[in-house]
Amino acid sequence: MVTIKRIYDPPSRTDGTRILVDRLWPRGITKEGAAIDEWLRDIAPSTGLRKSFGHDPGKWQLFKTRYKKELKGHAEIVKELRRKAKKDRVTLLFSAKDMEHNNAVVLKEVLDRTGGGPER
């Protein structure tokens, strides 16, 4: 099972494996305070994509399309995340304020799909 959560929300025992999926370390959070199990910055959107999106909901559909395309280049990481999620709960952590328009939402959507790669 895959869930998403802001890194600024307190950790919970029900989070399972906590994985930060942002390229940049979140402001104001210590590594100890984050209580993460893994930081997968390589699976985060590229710097160019992140900057062009700028958390603008008007650019959401374009961002999703472009990020899913980038995820195809990280098929092995996606497969590993799927394997982990089949065994136990995985919580994808992100720092964006917008709970509906961020990379963790897209990544969860991709992980929840059945099949071997990022896109079917």
N, C-alpha and C. Protein backbone atom coordinates (compact mmCIF):
# COMPACT_ATOMS: atom_id res chain seq x y z
N MET A 1 0.84 -1.18 0.00
CA MET A 1 0.00 0.00 0.00
C MET A 1 0.88 1.24 0.00
N VAL A 2 0.51 2.22 -0.83
CA VAL A 2 1.26 3.46 -0.94
C VAL A 2 0.38 4.60 -0.42
N THR A 3 0.95 5.41 0.46
CA THR A 3 0.28 6.61 0.94
C THR A 3 1.23 7.79 0.74
N ILE A 4 0.69 8.99 0.83
CA ILE A 4 1.52 10.17 0.74
C ILE A 4 1.27 11.05 1.95
N LYS A 5 2.31 11.84 2.28
CA LYS A 5 2.22 12.65 3.49
C LYS A 5 3.25 13.77 3.40
N ARG A 6 2.90 14.92 3.94
CA ARG A 6 3.88 16.01 4.01
C ARG A 6 4.96 15.65 5.03
N ILE A 7 6.18 15.96 4.72
CA ILE A 7 7.30 15.69 5.63
C ILE A 7 7.15 16.48 6.92
N TYR A 8 6.39 17.58 6.87
CA TYR A 8 6.20 18.42 8.05
C TYR A 8 5.16 17.86 9.01
N ASP A 9 4.40 16.87 8.58
CA ASP A 9 3.44 16.22 9.47
C ASP A 9 4.22 15.24 10.36
N PRO A 10 3.78 15.06 11.60
CA PRO A 10 4.54 14.18 12.50
C PRO A 10 4.55 12.73 12.01
N PRO A 11 5.67 12.05 12.20
CA PRO A 11 5.74 10.63 11.84
C PRO A 11 4.74 9.83 12.67
N SER A 12 4.29 8.74 12.08
CA SER A 12 3.35 7.85 12.76
C SER A 12 3.83 6.41 12.60
N ARG A 13 3.49 5.59 13.57
CA ARG A 13 3.86 4.17 13.46
C ARG A 13 3.16 3.50 12.29
N THR A 14 2.06 4.07 11.84
CA THR A 14 1.32 3.48 10.72
C THR A 14 1.89 3.90 9.36
N ASP A 15 2.92 4.73 9.34
CA ASP A 15 3.51 5.18 8.08
C ASP A 15 4.21 4.05 7.32
N GLY A 16 4.67 3.06 8.01
CA GLY A 16 5.47 2.03 7.35
C GLY A 16 6.82 2.60 6.96
N THR A 17 7.30 2.25 5.78
CA THR A 17 8.58 2.76 5.29
C THR A 17 8.38 4.18 4.79
N ARG A 18 9.13 5.11 5.37
CA ARG A 18 8.99 6.53 5.03
C ARG A 18 10.08 6.90 4.03
N ILE A 19 9.65 7.35 2.82
CA ILE A 19 10.59 7.65 1.75
C ILE A 19 10.38 9.08 1.26
N LEU A 20 11.41 9.89 1.39
CA LEU A 20 11.36 11.26 0.89
C LEU A 20 11.59 11.22 -0.62
N VAL A 21 10.68 11.84 -1.38
CA VAL A 21 10.76 11.78 -2.84
C VAL A 21 10.95 13.17 -3.46
N ASP A 22 11.54 14.08 -2.71
CA ASP A 22 11.89 15.41 -3.21
C ASP A 22 13.37 15.46 -3.55
N ARG A 23 13.71 16.28 -4.53
CA ARG A 23 15.12 16.43 -4.92
C ARG A 23 15.89 17.27 -3.89
N LEU A 24 15.21 18.26 -3.32
CA LEU A 24 15.85 19.14 -2.34
C LEU A 24 15.42 18.76 -0.93
N TRP A 25 16.36 18.92 0.02
CA TRP A 25 16.00 18.64 1.41
C TRP A 25 15.02 19.71 1.88
N PRO A 26 13.95 19.31 2.59
CA PRO A 26 12.95 20.28 3.04
C PRO A 26 13.50 21.27 4.08
N ARG A 27 13.11 22.51 3.91
CA ARG A 27 13.56 23.56 4.82
C ARG A 27 13.02 23.34 6.23
N GLY A 28 13.88 23.61 7.21
CA GLY A 28 13.46 23.58 8.60
C GLY A 28 13.31 22.19 9.20
N ILE A 29 13.71 21.16 8.49
CA ILE A 29 13.59 19.78 8.98
C ILE A 29 14.99 19.21 9.17
N THR A 30 15.24 18.67 10.35
CA THR A 30 16.52 17.99 10.57
C THR A 30 16.39 16.55 10.06
N LYS A 31 17.50 15.95 9.80
CA LYS A 31 17.47 14.55 9.34
C LYS A 31 16.85 13.65 10.41
N GLU A 32 17.12 13.94 11.67
CA GLU A 32 16.54 13.15 12.75
C GLU A 32 15.02 13.39 12.84
N GLY A 33 14.63 14.64 12.71
CA GLY A 33 13.22 15.00 12.80
C GLY A 33 12.39 14.46 11.65
N ALA A 34 13.03 14.25 10.51
CA ALA A 34 12.32 13.74 9.34
C ALA A 34 11.91 12.29 9.53
N ALA A 35 12.68 11.55 10.28
CA ALA A 35 12.42 10.13 10.54
C ALA A 35 12.18 9.37 9.24
N ILE A 36 13.06 9.58 8.26
CA ILE A 36 12.90 8.88 6.99
C ILE A 36 13.73 7.60 6.99
N ASP A 37 13.27 6.66 6.19
CA ASP A 37 14.01 5.43 6.00
C ASP A 37 14.90 5.52 4.76
N GLU A 38 14.49 6.37 3.82
CA GLU A 38 15.21 6.46 2.56
C GLU A 38 14.91 7.81 1.92
N TRP A 39 15.91 8.34 1.18
CA TRP A 39 15.71 9.57 0.42
C TRP A 39 16.01 9.25 -1.04
N LEU A 40 14.98 9.22 -1.85
CA LEU A 40 15.13 8.90 -3.28
C LEU A 40 15.07 10.17 -4.11
N ARG A 41 16.11 10.98 -4.03
CA ARG A 41 16.09 12.25 -4.76
C ARG A 41 16.16 12.04 -6.26
N ASP A 42 16.71 10.90 -6.70
CA ASP A 42 16.81 10.65 -8.15
C ASP A 42 15.45 10.42 -8.81
N ILE A 43 14.46 10.01 -8.03
CA ILE A 43 13.14 9.76 -8.60
C ILE A 43 12.29 11.03 -8.62
N ALA A 44 12.77 12.08 -8.00
CA ALA A 44 12.06 13.37 -7.98
C ALA A 44 12.11 13.99 -9.38
N PRO A 45 11.20 14.91 -9.65
CA PRO A 45 11.25 15.60 -10.95
C PRO A 45 12.59 16.31 -11.14
N SER A 46 13.03 16.39 -12.38
CA SER A 46 14.27 17.09 -12.68
C SER A 46 14.14 18.55 -12.25
N THR A 47 15.27 19.19 -12.07
CA THR A 47 15.28 20.59 -11.66
C THR A 47 14.52 21.45 -12.67
N GLY A 48 14.73 21.21 -13.94
CA GLY A 48 14.03 21.98 -14.98
C GLY A 48 12.53 21.81 -14.91
N LEU A 49 12.08 20.58 -14.72
CA LEU A 49 10.64 20.32 -14.64
C LEU A 49 10.06 20.95 -13.37
N ARG A 50 10.76 20.79 -12.27
CA ARG A 50 10.30 21.36 -11.00
C ARG A 50 10.14 22.88 -11.12
N LYS A 51 11.14 23.53 -11.72
CA LYS A 51 11.08 24.99 -11.85
C LYS A 51 10.01 25.43 -12.84
N SER A 52 9.84 24.71 -13.93
CA SER A 52 8.82 25.11 -14.91
C SER A 52 7.41 24.93 -14.35
N PHE A 53 7.21 23.95 -13.50
CA PHE A 53 5.90 23.73 -12.87
C PHE A 53 5.63 24.81 -11.83
N GLY A 54 6.57 25.05 -10.95
CA GLY A 54 6.44 26.09 -9.95
C GLY A 54 5.20 25.96 -9.08
N HIS A 55 4.68 24.77 -8.92
CA HIS A 55 3.49 24.49 -8.11
C HIS A 55 2.27 25.29 -8.58
N ASP A 56 2.21 25.55 -9.88
CA ASP A 56 1.09 26.27 -10.49
C ASP A 56 0.04 25.24 -10.91
N PRO A 57 -1.12 25.21 -10.24
CA PRO A 57 -2.16 24.24 -10.61
C PRO A 57 -2.57 24.31 -12.08
N GLY A 58 -2.40 25.46 -12.70
CA GLY A 58 -2.71 25.60 -14.12
C GLY A 58 -1.77 24.80 -15.01
N LYS A 59 -0.62 24.44 -14.51
CA LYS A 59 0.36 23.66 -15.26
C LYS A 59 0.37 22.19 -14.84
N TRP A 60 -0.61 21.80 -14.04
CA TRP A 60 -0.65 20.46 -13.44
C TRP A 60 -0.64 19.34 -14.48
N GLN A 61 -1.51 19.42 -15.45
CA GLN A 61 -1.60 18.33 -16.43
C GLN A 61 -0.30 18.18 -17.22
N LEU A 62 0.30 19.29 -17.62
CA LEU A 62 1.58 19.24 -18.33
C LEU A 62 2.66 18.66 -17.42
N PHE A 63 2.67 19.09 -16.17
CA PHE A 63 3.65 18.55 -15.21
C PHE A 63 3.49 17.04 -15.08
N LYS A 64 2.25 16.57 -14.89
CA LYS A 64 2.02 15.13 -14.73
C LYS A 64 2.54 14.36 -15.93
N THR A 65 2.23 14.84 -17.12
CA THR A 65 2.67 14.16 -18.35
C THR A 65 4.19 14.10 -18.43
N ARG A 66 4.83 15.22 -18.17
CA ARG A 66 6.29 15.28 -18.27
C ARG A 66 6.96 14.47 -17.16
N TYR A 67 6.40 14.49 -15.96
CA TYR A 67 6.99 13.73 -14.86
C TYR A 67 6.85 12.23 -15.10
N LYS A 68 5.71 11.80 -15.58
CA LYS A 68 5.54 10.38 -15.90
C LYS A 68 6.54 9.94 -16.96
N LYS A 69 6.82 10.81 -17.91
CA LYS A 69 7.82 10.51 -18.93
C LYS A 69 9.20 10.37 -18.27
N GLU A 70 9.53 11.27 -17.35
CA GLU A 70 10.81 11.16 -16.64
C GLU A 70 10.88 9.87 -15.83
N LEU A 71 9.78 9.47 -15.23
CA LEU A 71 9.77 8.25 -14.42
C LEU A 71 10.09 7.01 -15.24
N LYS A 72 9.80 7.03 -16.52
CA LYS A 72 10.14 5.89 -17.38
C LYS A 72 11.65 5.65 -17.38
N GLY A 73 12.42 6.70 -17.17
CA GLY A 73 13.88 6.56 -17.09
C GLY A 73 14.35 6.01 -15.75
N HIS A 74 13.44 5.84 -14.82
CA HIS A 74 13.75 5.30 -13.49
C HIS A 74 12.93 4.05 -13.22
N ALA A 75 12.75 3.24 -14.24
CA ALA A 75 11.88 2.06 -14.14
C ALA A 75 12.30 1.11 -13.02
N GLU A 76 13.60 0.95 -12.79
CA GLU A 76 14.07 0.04 -11.75
C GLU A 76 13.69 0.54 -10.36
N ILE A 77 13.80 1.84 -10.14
CA ILE A 77 13.42 2.40 -8.85
C ILE A 77 11.92 2.24 -8.64
N VAL A 78 11.15 2.48 -9.70
CA VAL A 78 9.69 2.32 -9.62
C VAL A 78 9.34 0.88 -9.29
N LYS A 79 9.99 -0.07 -9.94
CA LYS A 79 9.73 -1.49 -9.66
C LYS A 79 10.06 -1.84 -8.21
N GLU A 80 11.18 -1.31 -7.71
CA GLU A 80 11.57 -1.59 -6.33
C GLU A 80 10.56 -1.00 -5.35
N LEU A 81 10.08 0.21 -5.63
CA LEU A 81 9.06 0.81 -4.77
C LEU A 81 7.78 -0.03 -4.78
N ARG A 82 7.41 -0.54 -5.94
CA ARG A 82 6.22 -1.40 -6.03
C ARG A 82 6.41 -2.67 -5.20
N ARG A 83 7.60 -3.25 -5.26
CA ARG A 83 7.87 -4.46 -4.47
C ARG A 83 7.73 -4.15 -2.98
N LYS A 84 8.29 -3.04 -2.55
CA LYS A 84 8.18 -2.66 -1.14
C LYS A 84 6.73 -2.45 -0.75
N ALA A 85 5.97 -1.80 -1.61
CA ALA A 85 4.56 -1.49 -1.31
C ALA A 85 3.70 -2.74 -1.27
N LYS A 86 4.09 -3.78 -1.97
CA LYS A 86 3.33 -5.04 -1.92
C LYS A 86 3.54 -5.75 -0.59
N LYS A 87 4.73 -5.56 0.01
CA LYS A 87 5.05 -6.22 1.28
C LYS A 87 4.52 -5.46 2.48
N ASP A 88 4.57 -4.14 2.41
CA ASP A 88 4.27 -3.31 3.58
C ASP A 88 3.82 -1.94 3.10
N ARG A 89 3.34 -1.14 4.02
CA ARG A 89 2.94 0.23 3.70
C ARG A 89 4.18 1.06 3.40
N VAL A 90 4.09 1.87 2.36
CA VAL A 90 5.14 2.82 1.99
C VAL A 90 4.50 4.20 1.99
N THR A 91 5.12 5.13 2.71
CA THR A 91 4.64 6.50 2.74
C THR A 91 5.63 7.37 1.99
N LEU A 92 5.15 7.99 0.90
CA LEU A 92 5.96 8.91 0.12
C LEU A 92 5.85 10.29 0.76
N LEU A 93 6.99 10.85 1.10
CA LEU A 93 7.03 12.13 1.79
C LEU A 93 7.42 13.24 0.83
N PHE A 94 6.74 14.37 0.94
CA PHE A 94 7.00 15.53 0.09
C PHE A 94 6.91 16.79 0.94
N SER A 95 7.45 17.89 0.44
CA SER A 95 7.44 19.12 1.22
C SER A 95 6.49 20.18 0.70
N ALA A 96 5.92 20.00 -0.47
CA ALA A 96 5.03 21.01 -1.05
C ALA A 96 3.83 21.29 -0.15
N LYS A 97 3.36 22.53 -0.17
CA LYS A 97 2.19 22.91 0.61
C LYS A 97 0.91 22.37 -0.02
N ASP A 98 0.90 22.27 -1.33
CA ASP A 98 -0.29 21.83 -2.07
C ASP A 98 -0.37 20.30 -2.01
N MET A 99 -1.39 19.81 -1.34
CA MET A 99 -1.56 18.36 -1.14
C MET A 99 -2.03 17.64 -2.40
N GLU A 100 -2.57 18.37 -3.37
CA GLU A 100 -3.15 17.75 -4.57
C GLU A 100 -2.27 17.87 -5.80
N HIS A 101 -1.36 18.83 -5.81
CA HIS A 101 -0.55 19.09 -7.00
C HIS A 101 0.93 19.03 -6.63
N ASN A 102 1.45 17.82 -6.53
CA ASN A 102 2.87 17.64 -6.22
C ASN A 102 3.35 16.31 -6.78
N ASN A 103 4.65 16.14 -6.82
CA ASN A 103 5.23 14.95 -7.43
C ASN A 103 4.84 13.65 -6.73
N ALA A 104 4.63 13.67 -5.42
CA ALA A 104 4.26 12.45 -4.70
C ALA A 104 2.89 11.94 -5.17
N VAL A 105 1.98 12.83 -5.50
CA VAL A 105 0.67 12.43 -6.01
C VAL A 105 0.84 11.67 -7.32
N VAL A 106 1.67 12.19 -8.20
CA VAL A 106 1.90 11.54 -9.50
C VAL A 106 2.61 10.21 -9.30
N LEU A 107 3.62 10.18 -8.46
CA LEU A 107 4.36 8.95 -8.21
C LEU A 107 3.45 7.88 -7.61
N LYS A 108 2.60 8.25 -6.69
CA LYS A 108 1.65 7.29 -6.11
C LYS A 108 0.74 6.74 -7.19
N GLU A 109 0.26 7.61 -8.07
CA GLU A 109 -0.60 7.17 -9.18
C GLU A 109 0.12 6.14 -10.05
N VAL A 110 1.37 6.40 -10.34
CA VAL A 110 2.17 5.46 -11.14
C VAL A 110 2.38 4.15 -10.39
N LEU A 111 2.70 4.22 -9.10
CA LEU A 111 2.94 3.01 -8.31
C LEU A 111 1.68 2.19 -8.14
N ASP A 112 0.54 2.83 -8.07
CA ASP A 112 -0.71 2.11 -7.88
C ASP A 112 -1.17 1.35 -9.12
N ARG A 113 -0.58 1.69 -10.27
CA ARG A 113 -0.89 0.97 -11.51
C ARG A 113 -0.30 -0.43 -11.42
N THR A 114 -0.97 -1.37 -12.02
CA THR A 114 -0.40 -2.72 -12.10
C THR A 114 0.48 -2.80 -13.32
N GLY A 115 1.44 -3.67 -13.28
CA GLY A 115 2.34 -3.83 -14.42
C GLY A 115 3.77 -3.60 -14.01
N GLY A 116 4.68 -3.79 -14.94
CA GLY A 116 6.10 -3.76 -14.63
C GLY A 116 6.76 -2.41 -14.66
N GLY A 117 6.30 -1.50 -15.51
CA GLY A 117 7.01 -0.22 -15.65
C GLY A 117 6.20 0.94 -15.12
N PRO A 118 6.72 2.13 -15.27
CA PRO A 118 6.04 3.31 -14.77
C PRO A 118 4.71 3.57 -15.46
N GLU A 119 4.59 3.22 -16.71
CA GLU A 119 3.36 3.45 -17.47
C GLU A 119 3.01 2.19 -18.23
N ARG A 120 1.73 1.95 -18.31
CA ARG A 120 1.27 0.81 -19.09
C ARG A 120 0.77 1.28 -20.42
